[in-house]
């Protein structure tokens, strides 16, 4: 195979692996991100940009982790919400 064909094959394989993650179709297993139902070092799910609060009477979820999550849980995917900039 020439270099061009190798590049095209690798690009197709990489695209097939990354596309579900980019489009949000695939979520990570709790074990993969070491999810726990308690906060860690003052960080918890409801302070994360990936947290999706449940509507009244429904459980909370996450944009990147499978299944229900606790608002007071924590995992390695934790990304703090940006500061609102209001107040001092």
C-alpha atoms as a PDB file:
ATOM      1  CA  UNK A   1       0.000   0.000   0.000  1.00  0.00           C
ATOM      2  CA  UNK A   2       1.175   3.472  -0.702  1.00  0.00           C
ATOM      3  CA  UNK A   3       1.258   6.238   1.913  1.00  0.00           C
ATOM      4  CA  UNK A   4      -1.926   7.859   0.609  1.00  0.00           C
ATOM      5  CA  UNK A   5      -3.979   4.675   0.968  1.00  0.00           C
ATOM      6  CA  UNK A   6      -2.594   4.046   4.448  1.00  0.00           C
ATOM      7  CA  UNK A   7      -3.548   7.594   5.472  1.00  0.00           C
ATOM      8  CA  UNK A   8      -7.083   7.188   4.093  1.00  0.00           C
ATOM      9  CA  UNK A   9      -7.563   3.842   5.861  1.00  0.00           C
ATOM     10  CA  UNK A  10      -6.329   5.245   9.172  1.00  0.00           C
ATOM     11  CA  UNK A  11      -8.557   8.318   8.807  1.00  0.00           C
ATOM     12  CA  UNK A  12     -11.613   6.119   8.197  1.00  0.00           C
ATOM     13  CA  UNK A  13     -10.858   3.951  11.227  1.00  0.00           C
ATOM     14  CA  UNK A  14     -10.241   6.971  13.471  1.00  0.00           C
ATOM     15  CA  UNK A  15     -13.436   8.611  12.243  1.00  0.00           C
ATOM     16  CA  UNK A  16     -15.520   5.528  12.964  1.00  0.00           C
ATOM     17  CA  UNK A  17     -14.163   5.418  16.519  1.00  0.00           C
ATOM     18  CA  UNK A  18     -14.385   9.146  17.292  1.00  0.00           C
ATOM     19  CA  UNK A  19     -17.664  10.055  15.579  1.00  0.00           C
ATOM     20  CA  UNK A  20     -19.981   8.575  18.244  1.00  0.00           C
ATOM     21  CA  UNK A  21     -18.081  10.474  20.936  1.00  0.00           C
ATOM     22  CA  UNK A  22     -18.194  13.732  19.000  1.00  0.00           C
ATOM     23  CA  UNK A  23     -21.907  13.457  18.217  1.00  0.00           C
ATOM     24  CA  UNK A  24     -22.740  12.472  21.771  1.00  0.00           C
ATOM     25  CA  UNK A  25     -24.164   9.092  20.803  1.00  0.00           C
ATOM     26  CA  UNK A  26     -21.889   7.129  23.125  1.00  0.00           C
ATOM     27  CA  UNK A  27     -21.603   7.648  26.860  1.00  0.00           C
ATOM     28  CA  UNK A  28     -18.912   6.384  29.181  1.00  0.00           C
ATOM     29  CA  UNK A  29     -19.502   3.670  31.760  1.00  0.00           C
ATOM     30  CA  UNK A  30     -19.414   4.792  35.396  1.00  0.00           C
ATOM     31  CA  UNK A  31     -16.505   2.462  36.078  1.00  0.00           C
ATOM     32  CA  UNK A  32     -14.474   4.038  33.271  1.00  0.00           C
ATOM     33  CA  UNK A  33     -14.680   7.483  34.887  1.00  0.00           C
ATOM     34  CA  UNK A  34     -14.506   6.183  38.483  1.00  0.00           C
ATOM     35  CA  UNK A  35     -17.965   7.578  39.327  1.00  0.00           C
ATOM     36  CA  UNK A  36     -18.883   7.738  43.013  1.00  0.00           C
ATOM     37  CA  UNK A  37     -22.101   8.879  44.742  1.00  0.00           C
ATOM     38  CA  UNK A  38     -20.288  11.377  46.979  1.00  0.00           C
ATOM     39  CA  UNK A  39     -18.339  14.571  46.289  1.00  0.00           C
ATOM     40  CA  UNK A  40     -14.553  14.724  46.126  1.00  0.00           C
ATOM     41  CA  UNK A  41     -12.524  17.675  47.355  1.00  0.00           C
ATOM     42  CA  UNK A  42     -15.594  19.930  47.280  1.00  0.00           C
ATOM     43  CA  UNK A  43     -16.434  19.027  43.663  1.00  0.00           C
ATOM     44  CA  UNK A  44     -19.759  17.397  42.860  1.00  0.00           C
ATOM     45  CA  UNK A  45     -21.895  16.685  39.805  1.00  0.00           C
ATOM     46  CA  UNK A  46     -24.274  19.622  40.150  1.00  0.00           C
ATOM     47  CA  UNK A  47     -21.278  21.960  39.754  1.00  0.00           C
ATOM     48  CA  UNK A  48     -20.199  20.257  36.492  1.00  0.00           C
ATOM     49  CA  UNK A  49     -21.005  21.428  32.956  1.00  0.00           C
ATOM     50  CA  UNK A  50     -22.039  17.870  32.002  1.00  0.00           C
ATOM     51  CA  UNK A  51     -24.703  17.552  34.744  1.00  0.00           C
ATOM     52  CA  UNK A  52     -28.350  17.388  33.620  1.00  0.00           C
ATOM     53  CA  UNK A  53     -30.751  17.968  36.529  1.00  0.00           C
ATOM     54  CA  UNK A  54     -33.807  15.759  36.507  1.00  0.00           C
ATOM     55  CA  UNK A  55     -37.234  17.285  36.111  1.00  0.00           C
ATOM     56  CA  UNK A  56     -39.466  17.114  39.168  1.00  0.00           C
ATOM     57  CA  UNK A  57     -39.631  13.468  40.218  1.00  0.00           C
ATOM     58  CA  UNK A  58     -37.098  12.193  37.659  1.00  0.00           C
ATOM     59  CA  UNK A  59     -33.464  11.272  38.286  1.00  0.00           C
ATOM     60  CA  UNK A  60     -30.526  13.431  37.249  1.00  0.00           C
ATOM     61  CA  UNK A  61     -28.208  12.361  34.445  1.00  0.00           C
ATOM     62  CA  UNK A  62     -24.977  13.343  32.740  1.00  0.00           C
ATOM     63  CA  UNK A  63     -24.084  14.252  29.158  1.00  0.00           C
ATOM     64  CA  UNK A  64     -21.054  11.934  29.159  1.00  0.00           C
ATOM     65  CA  UNK A  65     -21.719   9.217  31.784  1.00  0.00           C
ATOM     66  CA  UNK A  66     -24.285   6.432  31.397  1.00  0.00           C
ATOM     67  CA  UNK A  67     -27.256   6.111  33.741  1.00  0.00           C
ATOM     68  CA  UNK A  68     -28.471   8.098  36.706  1.00  0.00           C
ATOM     69  CA  UNK A  69     -26.076  10.296  38.646  1.00  0.00           C
ATOM     70  CA  UNK A  70     -26.358  11.915  42.035  1.00  0.00           C
ATOM     71  CA  UNK A  71     -26.163  15.722  42.187  1.00  0.00           C
ATOM     72  CA  UNK A  72     -23.597  15.114  44.941  1.00  0.00           C
ATOM     73  CA  UNK A  73     -21.609  12.502  43.002  1.00  0.00           C
ATOM     74  CA  UNK A  74     -18.208  12.892  41.356  1.00  0.00           C
ATOM     75  CA  UNK A  75     -16.199  11.368  38.507  1.00  0.00           C
ATOM     76  CA  UNK A  76     -13.035  11.974  36.505  1.00  0.00           C
ATOM     77  CA  UNK A  77     -15.043  13.742  33.757  1.00  0.00           C
ATOM     78  CA  UNK A  78     -15.835  16.575  36.189  1.00  0.00           C
ATOM     79  CA  UNK A  79     -15.494  19.950  34.480  1.00  0.00           C
ATOM     80  CA  UNK A  80     -16.475  22.962  36.582  1.00  0.00           C
ATOM     81  CA  UNK A  81     -19.174  25.288  35.316  1.00  0.00           C
ATOM     82  CA  UNK A  82     -17.775  28.682  34.305  1.00  0.00           C
ATOM     83  CA  UNK A  83     -18.087  31.497  36.798  1.00  0.00           C
ATOM     84  CA  UNK A  84     -21.169  33.628  36.137  1.00  0.00           C
ATOM     85  CA  UNK A  85     -19.268  36.877  36.553  1.00  0.00           C
ATOM     86  CA  UNK A  86     -22.039  38.350  38.687  1.00  0.00           C
ATOM     87  CA  UNK A  87     -21.212  39.851  42.037  1.00  0.00           C
ATOM     88  CA  UNK A  88     -17.748  40.304  43.462  1.00  0.00           C
END
